[in-house]
Protein backbone atom coordinates (compact mmCIF):
# COMPACT_ATOMS: atom_id res chain seq x y z
CA MET A 1 0.18 -0.06 -0.24
CA LEU A 2 1.32 3.43 -0.95
CA ARG A 3 2.44 5.48 2.16
CA ALA A 4 2.15 9.36 1.77
CA GLY A 5 3.85 11.51 4.51
CA ASN A 6 2.25 15.39 5.15
CA VAL A 7 5.71 17.35 6.35
CA GLY A 8 5.96 20.88 6.73
CA LEU A 9 6.73 24.05 9.41
CA PRO A 10 3.99 24.53 12.05
CA ASN A 11 1.16 26.63 11.17
CA VAL A 12 1.05 26.05 7.53
CA GLY A 13 -2.34 24.09 6.99
CA LYS A 14 -0.74 20.59 7.23
CA SER A 15 -3.16 18.95 9.64
CA THR A 16 -6.20 21.07 8.64
CA LEU A 17 -5.63 19.38 5.40
CA PHE A 18 -4.93 15.84 6.51
CA ASN A 19 -7.99 15.75 8.56
CA ALA A 20 -9.91 17.62 5.78
CA VAL A 21 -9.32 15.22 2.95
CA VAL A 22 -9.55 12.18 5.48
CA ALA A 23 -12.99 13.00 6.29
CA ASN A 24 -13.65 13.54 2.45
CA ALA A 25 -12.63 10.21 1.58
CA GLN A 26 -14.76 8.62 4.65
CA ALA A 27 -17.90 10.53 2.96
CA GLN A 28 -17.04 9.49 -0.54
CA ALA A 29 -16.75 5.95 0.48
CA ALA A 30 -18.76 4.71 3.45
CA ASN A 31 -18.00 1.46 2.74
CA PHE A 32 -14.54 1.97 3.52
CA PRO A 33 -13.98 4.50 6.34
CA PHE A 34 -11.30 6.10 7.53
CA CYS A 35 -9.44 3.99 10.00
CA THR A 36 -7.41 5.57 12.94
CA ILE A 37 -4.02 3.49 13.23
CA GLU A 38 -2.55 5.97 15.24
CA PRO A 39 -3.48 9.89 15.96
CA ASN A 40 -1.77 11.10 13.26
CA VAL A 41 -2.18 7.91 10.40
CA GLY A 42 -5.21 7.37 8.51
CA MET A 43 -6.12 5.35 5.36
CA VAL A 44 -8.34 6.74 2.43
CA THR A 45 -10.06 5.19 -0.38
CA VAL A 46 -8.73 6.52 -3.76
CA PRO A 47 -10.97 8.01 -5.84
CA ASP A 48 -12.12 6.26 -9.20
CA GLU A 49 -15.25 6.67 -11.13
CA ARG A 50 -14.26 3.52 -13.39
CA LEU A 51 -15.14 1.46 -10.17
CA ASP A 52 -18.86 2.00 -10.06
CA VAL A 53 -19.09 1.60 -13.82
CA LEU A 54 -17.68 -1.62 -13.64
CA ALA A 55 -19.54 -2.83 -10.78
CA LYS A 56 -22.81 -2.02 -12.54
CA ILE A 57 -21.62 -3.83 -15.75
CA SER A 58 -20.82 -6.94 -13.53
CA GLY A 59 -23.55 -6.80 -11.00
CA SER A 60 -20.42 -6.64 -8.14
CA GLU A 61 -21.97 -7.22 -4.32
CA ALA A 62 -19.13 -4.98 -3.49
CA ILE A 63 -16.55 -2.29 -4.69
CA LEU A 64 -12.81 -2.01 -3.23
CA PRO A 65 -11.20 0.76 -4.25
CA ALA A 66 -7.05 0.98 -3.77
CA ARG A 67 -6.11 2.65 -0.68
CA VAL A 68 -3.61 5.36 0.34
CA GLU A 69 -2.22 5.46 3.98
CA PHE A 70 -1.53 9.18 4.98
CA VAL A 71 0.46 10.13 7.78
CA ASP A 72 0.34 13.77 9.38
CA ILE A 73 3.83 14.05 10.58
CA ALA A 74 3.76 17.13 13.54
CA GLY A 75 5.40 20.14 12.13
CA LEU A 76 9.24 20.49 11.79
CA VAL A 77 11.36 23.31 13.06
CA LYS A 78 15.04 24.54 12.42
CA GLY A 79 16.98 22.50 14.12
CA ALA A 80 14.74 19.12 13.85
CA SER A 81 17.80 16.94 12.62
CA THR A 82 19.56 18.11 15.85
CA GLY A 83 16.21 17.12 17.80
CA GLU A 84 14.71 20.24 18.10
CA GLY A 85 11.18 19.97 19.01
CA LEU A 86 11.24 16.40 19.15
CA GLY A 87 12.54 16.29 15.43
CA ASN A 88 14.54 12.95 15.61
CA GLN A 89 11.23 11.25 16.13
CA PHE A 90 9.28 13.10 13.73
CA LEU A 91 12.06 12.58 11.30
CA ALA A 92 11.79 8.74 11.61
CA ASN A 93 8.09 9.03 10.44
CA ILE A 94 9.56 10.34 7.38
CA ARG A 95 11.96 7.72 6.54
CA GLU A 96 8.95 5.19 6.67
CA VAL A 97 6.83 6.59 3.91
CA ASP A 98 7.13 6.27 0.25
CA ALA A 99 6.52 9.75 -0.79
CA ILE A 100 6.20 13.34 0.79
CA VAL A 101 4.02 15.79 0.76
CA HIS A 102 5.39 18.81 1.72
CA VAL A 103 3.09 21.49 2.65
CA VAL A 104 3.65 25.10 2.18
CA ARG A 105 1.59 28.07 3.23
CA CYS A 106 0.64 30.50 0.26
CA PHE A 107 -1.73 32.81 2.22
CA GLU A 108 -1.96 35.39 4.21
CA ASN A 109 -3.77 35.23 7.50
CA ASP A 110 -3.59 37.77 10.57
CA ASP A 111 -5.42 35.09 12.91
CA ILE A 112 -2.70 32.41 12.21
CA ILE A 113 0.60 33.03 13.12
CA HIS A 114 3.51 31.97 11.07
CA VAL A 115 6.22 30.25 12.96
CA ALA A 116 9.17 32.37 11.23
CA GLY A 117 6.97 35.51 11.56
CA SER A 118 5.93 35.96 7.64
CA VAL A 119 4.89 34.43 4.81
CA ASP A 120 7.71 33.17 2.42
CA PRO A 121 7.52 29.71 1.03
CA MET A 122 10.51 29.74 -0.63
CA ARG A 123 12.40 30.38 3.16
CA ASP A 124 10.01 27.56 4.48
CA ILE A 125 11.12 25.10 1.80
CA GLU A 126 14.53 25.87 2.31
CA ILE A 127 14.38 25.31 6.43
CA ILE A 128 12.70 21.98 5.89
CA ASN A 129 14.98 20.60 3.06
CA ILE A 130 17.83 21.72 5.01
CA GLU A 131 16.94 19.78 8.07
CA LEU A 132 16.20 16.45 6.03
CA THR A 133 19.54 16.87 4.06
CA LEU A 134 21.52 17.49 7.46
CA ALA A 135 19.59 14.47 9.01
CA ASP A 136 20.74 12.04 5.95
CA MET A 137 24.17 13.66 5.69
CA ALA A 138 24.55 12.63 9.34
CA GLN A 139 23.10 8.87 8.86
CA ALA A 140 24.80 8.43 5.24
CA GLU A 141 28.14 9.48 6.61
CA LYS A 142 28.12 7.01 9.93
CA ARG A 143 26.98 4.23 7.36
CA LEU A 144 29.72 4.81 5.18
CA GLU A 145 32.18 4.35 7.48
CA ARG A 146 30.56 1.07 8.87
CA VAL A 147 30.31 -0.33 5.45
CA ARG A 148 33.79 0.35 4.48
CA LYS A 149 34.92 -1.98 7.10
CA ASP A 150 32.53 -4.46 6.12
CA VAL A 151 34.01 -4.70 2.46
CA LYS A 152 36.72 -6.44 4.12
CA PHE A 153 34.43 -9.36 5.01
CA LYS A 154 32.02 -8.89 2.69
CA LYS A 155 32.48 -8.21 -1.21
CA GLU A 156 28.65 -7.84 -1.75
CA ALA A 157 29.17 -4.43 0.57
CA GLN A 158 30.73 -2.65 -2.05
CA VAL A 159 27.89 -2.01 -3.86
CA GLU A 160 26.48 0.01 -0.77
CA VAL A 161 29.86 1.63 -0.61
CA ASP A 162 29.85 2.74 -4.37
CA ALA A 163 26.05 4.06 -3.70
CA LEU A 164 26.78 6.15 -0.50
CA GLU A 165 30.39 7.39 -1.96
CA LYS A 166 28.06 8.93 -4.70
CA ILE A 167 25.44 10.38 -2.06
CA VAL A 168 27.63 11.70 1.06
CA PRO A 169 29.00 14.37 -1.29
CA VAL A 170 25.75 15.79 -2.75
CA LEU A 171 24.35 15.88 0.89
CA GLN A 172 27.38 17.82 1.93
CA ALA A 173 27.20 20.22 -0.72
CA GLY A 174 23.00 20.84 0.23
CA GLY A 175 21.79 18.66 -2.72
CA ALA A 176 19.27 15.80 -2.18
CA ALA A 177 20.04 12.09 -2.47
CA ARG A 178 17.15 11.74 -5.12
CA SER A 179 19.29 14.05 -7.77
CA VAL A 180 22.20 10.87 -7.51
CA LYS A 181 22.10 8.63 -10.51
CA LEU A 182 22.30 4.75 -8.97
CA THR A 183 22.21 1.63 -10.60
CA GLU A 184 19.51 -0.61 -9.57
CA ASP A 185 21.70 -2.56 -7.17
CA GLU A 186 22.99 0.62 -5.28
CA ALA A 187 19.61 1.61 -5.25
CA LEU A 188 18.51 -1.45 -3.53
CA SER A 189 21.53 -1.32 -1.40
CA ILE A 190 20.51 1.75 0.33
CA LYS A 191 17.08 1.23 0.38
CA ALA A 192 17.12 0.17 3.96
CA LEU A 193 18.34 3.44 5.11
CA GLY A 194 15.22 5.20 4.31
CA LEU A 195 17.09 8.74 2.94
CA MET A 196 14.50 11.17 3.04
CA THR A 197 15.95 13.29 -0.09
CA ALA A 198 15.77 10.19 -1.59
CA LYS A 199 11.90 10.31 -1.71
CA PRO A 200 9.76 11.66 -4.19
CA VAL A 201 8.21 15.23 -3.37
CA ILE A 202 4.93 16.76 -4.03
CA TYR A 203 4.66 20.41 -2.87
CA ALA A 204 1.27 20.89 -1.42
CA ALA A 205 0.71 24.72 -2.25
CA ASN A 206 -1.85 25.63 0.58
CA VAL A 207 -3.88 29.00 -0.78
CA SER A 208 -6.85 30.67 0.36
CA GLU A 209 -10.05 30.20 -1.24
CA ASN A 210 -10.05 32.89 -3.70
CA ASP A 211 -6.54 31.66 -5.11
CA LEU A 212 -7.81 28.11 -5.58
CA SER A 213 -8.40 28.34 -9.22
CA THR A 214 -5.59 30.92 -10.35
CA GLY A 215 -2.74 30.48 -7.61
CA ASN A 216 -0.86 33.24 -6.78
CA LYS A 217 2.82 34.75 -6.60
CA TRP A 218 4.13 32.54 -4.30
CA VAL A 219 2.40 29.50 -6.03
CA GLN A 220 4.39 30.34 -9.01
CA GLN A 221 7.67 30.47 -7.41
CA ILE A 222 7.30 27.17 -5.93
CA ARG A 223 6.27 25.74 -9.39
CA ASP A 224 9.84 27.48 -10.83
CA PHE A 225 11.89 25.56 -7.89
CA ALA A 226 9.57 22.47 -8.31
CA LYS A 227 10.33 22.09 -11.71
CA LYS A 228 14.32 22.39 -11.65
CA GLU A 229 14.21 19.44 -9.00
CA GLY A 230 11.68 17.21 -10.82
CA SER A 231 8.78 17.30 -8.02
CA GLU A 232 5.14 18.16 -8.28
CA VAL A 233 3.17 20.91 -7.33
CA VAL A 234 -0.63 20.65 -6.31
CA VAL A 235 -2.13 24.08 -5.61
CA ILE A 236 -4.94 23.15 -2.42
CA SER A 237 -6.89 25.23 0.01
CA ALA A 238 -7.26 23.29 3.45
CA GLN A 239 -10.03 25.98 4.26
CA VAL A 240 -11.94 24.59 0.83
CA GLU A 241 -11.23 21.38 1.88
CA ALA A 242 -12.33 21.71 5.52
CA GLU A 243 -15.42 22.89 4.16
CA LEU A 244 -16.10 20.10 1.48
CA ALA A 245 -15.84 18.08 4.52
CA GLU A 246 -19.03 19.58 5.71
CA LEU A 247 -21.05 19.21 2.59
CA PRO A 248 -22.96 16.10 1.22
CA GLU A 249 -21.35 14.66 -1.45
CA GLU A 250 -23.76 15.79 -4.57
CA ASP A 251 -23.01 19.29 -3.42
CA ARG A 252 -19.42 19.15 -3.22
CA GLN A 253 -18.76 19.50 -7.29
CA GLU A 254 -21.01 22.62 -7.52
CA PHE A 255 -19.25 24.13 -4.90
CA LEU A 256 -15.66 23.23 -6.36
CA GLU A 257 -16.85 24.59 -9.55
CA SER A 258 -18.34 27.76 -8.13
CA LEU A 259 -14.85 28.61 -7.24
CA GLY A 260 -13.46 27.99 -10.66
CA ALA A 261 -12.02 24.25 -9.17
CA LYS A 262 -12.15 21.42 -11.04
CA GLU A 263 -11.77 19.02 -8.52
CA GLY A 264 -10.72 18.72 -4.59
CA GLY A 265 -7.69 18.30 -2.67
CA LEU A 266 -7.61 14.86 -2.46
CA LYS A 267 -8.06 13.60 -6.20
CA SER A 268 -5.33 16.09 -7.00
CA LEU A 269 -2.89 14.60 -4.11
CA ILE A 270 -3.31 11.00 -5.31
CA ARG A 271 -3.01 11.56 -8.96
CA ALA A 272 -0.01 13.55 -8.58
CA THR A 273 1.74 10.91 -6.01
CA TYR A 274 0.54 8.11 -8.50
CA ASP A 275 2.48 10.21 -11.38
CA LEU A 276 5.57 10.99 -9.61
CA LEU A 277 5.76 7.48 -8.24
CA GLY A 278 4.96 5.78 -11.65
CA LEU A 279 2.19 3.93 -10.58
CA GLN A 280 -1.18 3.04 -12.67
CA THR A 281 -4.24 1.09 -11.62
CA TYR A 282 -5.80 -2.38 -13.40
CA PHE A 283 -9.27 -3.48 -12.14
CA THR A 284 -10.77 -7.25 -11.45
CA THR A 285 -14.56 -7.41 -11.67
CA GLY A 286 -17.31 -9.98 -11.40
CA PRO A 287 -20.45 -10.62 -9.41
CA LYS A 288 -18.56 -10.75 -5.85
CA GLU A 289 -16.66 -7.73 -6.04
CA THR A 290 -14.71 -5.03 -8.05
CA ARG A 291 -11.64 -3.79 -7.04
CA ALA A 292 -8.72 -1.34 -7.83
CA TRP A 293 -5.38 -2.78 -7.68
CA THR A 294 -2.41 -0.37 -7.54
CA ILE A 295 0.98 -1.22 -9.92
CA HIS A 296 4.08 0.14 -11.25
CA LYS A 297 3.97 1.35 -14.74
CA GLY A 298 6.03 -1.29 -16.96
CA MET A 299 4.79 -4.70 -14.68
CA THR A 300 3.85 -7.60 -16.37
CA ALA A 301 1.13 -9.74 -16.17
CA PRO A 302 2.47 -11.95 -13.64
CA GLN A 303 4.02 -9.03 -11.93
CA ALA A 304 0.51 -7.86 -12.09
CA ALA A 305 -1.15 -10.93 -10.47
CA GLY A 306 1.72 -11.10 -7.72
CA VAL A 307 0.02 -7.95 -6.42
CA ILE A 308 -3.44 -9.93 -5.49
CA HIS A 309 -1.10 -13.27 -4.03
CA SER A 310 2.24 -14.59 -4.63
CA ASP A 311 0.60 -17.90 -5.82
CA PHE A 312 -0.87 -15.67 -8.76
CA GLU A 313 2.54 -15.04 -10.10
CA LYS A 314 4.39 -18.24 -9.53
CA GLY A 315 1.46 -20.18 -11.05
CA PHE A 316 0.90 -17.59 -13.62
CA ILE A 317 -0.71 -19.04 -16.90
CA ARG A 318 -2.25 -16.67 -18.70
CA ALA A 319 -4.68 -13.49 -17.96
CA GLN A 320 -7.79 -12.69 -19.81
CA THR A 321 -7.76 -9.09 -20.63
CA VAL A 322 -9.67 -6.40 -21.89
CA ALA A 323 -9.24 -2.63 -21.95
CA TYR A 324 -11.70 -0.62 -19.49
CA LYS A 325 -13.31 1.82 -22.46
CA ASP A 326 -13.62 -1.45 -24.48
CA LEU A 327 -15.96 -3.10 -21.80
CA VAL A 328 -17.59 0.11 -21.10
CA GLU A 329 -18.65 0.94 -24.81
CA TYR A 330 -19.87 -2.47 -25.14
CA GLY A 331 -21.38 -3.00 -22.06
CA SER A 332 -20.47 -6.47 -21.15
CA GLU A 333 -17.55 -9.40 -21.33
CA LYS A 334 -19.60 -11.22 -23.92
CA ALA A 335 -20.34 -8.19 -26.27
CA ALA A 336 -16.64 -7.39 -26.04
CA LYS A 337 -15.45 -10.90 -26.64
CA GLU A 338 -17.72 -10.95 -29.85
CA LYS A 339 -15.87 -7.72 -31.11
CA GLY A 340 -12.51 -9.54 -30.46
CA LEU A 341 -11.42 -7.29 -27.79
CA VAL A 342 -11.34 -9.82 -25.05
CA ARG A 343 -7.65 -10.56 -25.39
CA SER A 344 -5.77 -13.70 -23.93
CA GLU A 345 -2.07 -12.61 -22.75
CA GLY A 346 0.86 -14.24 -21.62
CA LYS A 347 3.91 -13.74 -18.93
CA GLU A 348 5.31 -10.94 -21.42
CA TYR A 349 2.40 -8.89 -21.56
CA VAL A 350 3.00 -5.25 -19.92
CA VAL A 351 -0.28 -3.93 -18.01
CA GLN A 352 -1.93 -1.05 -19.33
CA GLU A 353 -3.68 1.68 -17.35
CA GLY A 354 -7.28 0.69 -16.64
CA ASP A 355 -7.23 -3.21 -17.88
CA VAL A 356 -9.51 -5.19 -16.72
CA MET A 357 -8.12 -8.91 -15.52
CA LEU A 358 -9.05 -12.18 -15.06
CA PHE A 359 -5.88 -14.12 -14.40
CA LEU A 360 -5.41 -18.01 -15.14
CA PHE A 361 -2.81 -19.81 -12.50
CA ASN A 362 -1.77 -23.01 -11.41
CA VAL A 363 -0.35 -23.71 -8.07
């Protein structure tokens, strides 16, 4: 399951956004409510209108959306890398996520005091990035010193040494580990370190209600910065999300459109996260249930089957596959099959976004 962590300075709207998005998700899918695992961790369903369409075609008893786990990590402050503000504890939480949602304040409000005294998104981003870099640098330097000794006894340790010798100088210069080009083996060798600056970042520019559709000068600054480092930017309003959470589901789209927005924050965040991590969705559907499965782009049919159960991958025979749009256009699997649109795919088939699949396997 995908895990995304919200980070940012205190009072940037991080927790407000988290609570509102989680509440929205709960209202959108009552069968799969927000589940509080810890006070600051919640699972939300991935909104996908295609599920309802497929369930209607198949007469499914249940709908099982994909899920994303959001972790609301307490506000970081300057000095977090050395333990300031319980920084060590919060940084440990960040190491465990797949992607970082960096919430940045892009609104003026005299009633909400900014921890640094003024609204300056680029300064705020720099503070967080410096703390993450310093913490990673201390960890990477310590690990490099240890594995250099291990090489004498374990030849396989050389791969990790090679990776860290590329990363440490970049961190020391204030750069991010994700900017370093590593081989597949090198990347795997340091995965357990959970380097925070190696994780993909989505900047959530938190704006006022009036700026949701157009953005503002601060949003443009973040976009320019994110483009240089290959990150994503989502314009979002925690204020609007909180208001949406209070509305009946049928009134939400109308409210968003009145503000000039096409979709809510949850959809924007999840879509950006999927794009950044190279993820996509395929479906299984039948009378019992219609379900969405999340996989990495480029996965073959057996690998996609393995997401359901490892036995499916081991005993894979073939996959009966039809594109979502073809199934919907002809209204049933039988009709799509008569048109020659239901295919039998083998082990080399690369799964496409929206494929509807039935796996045949032998164990």
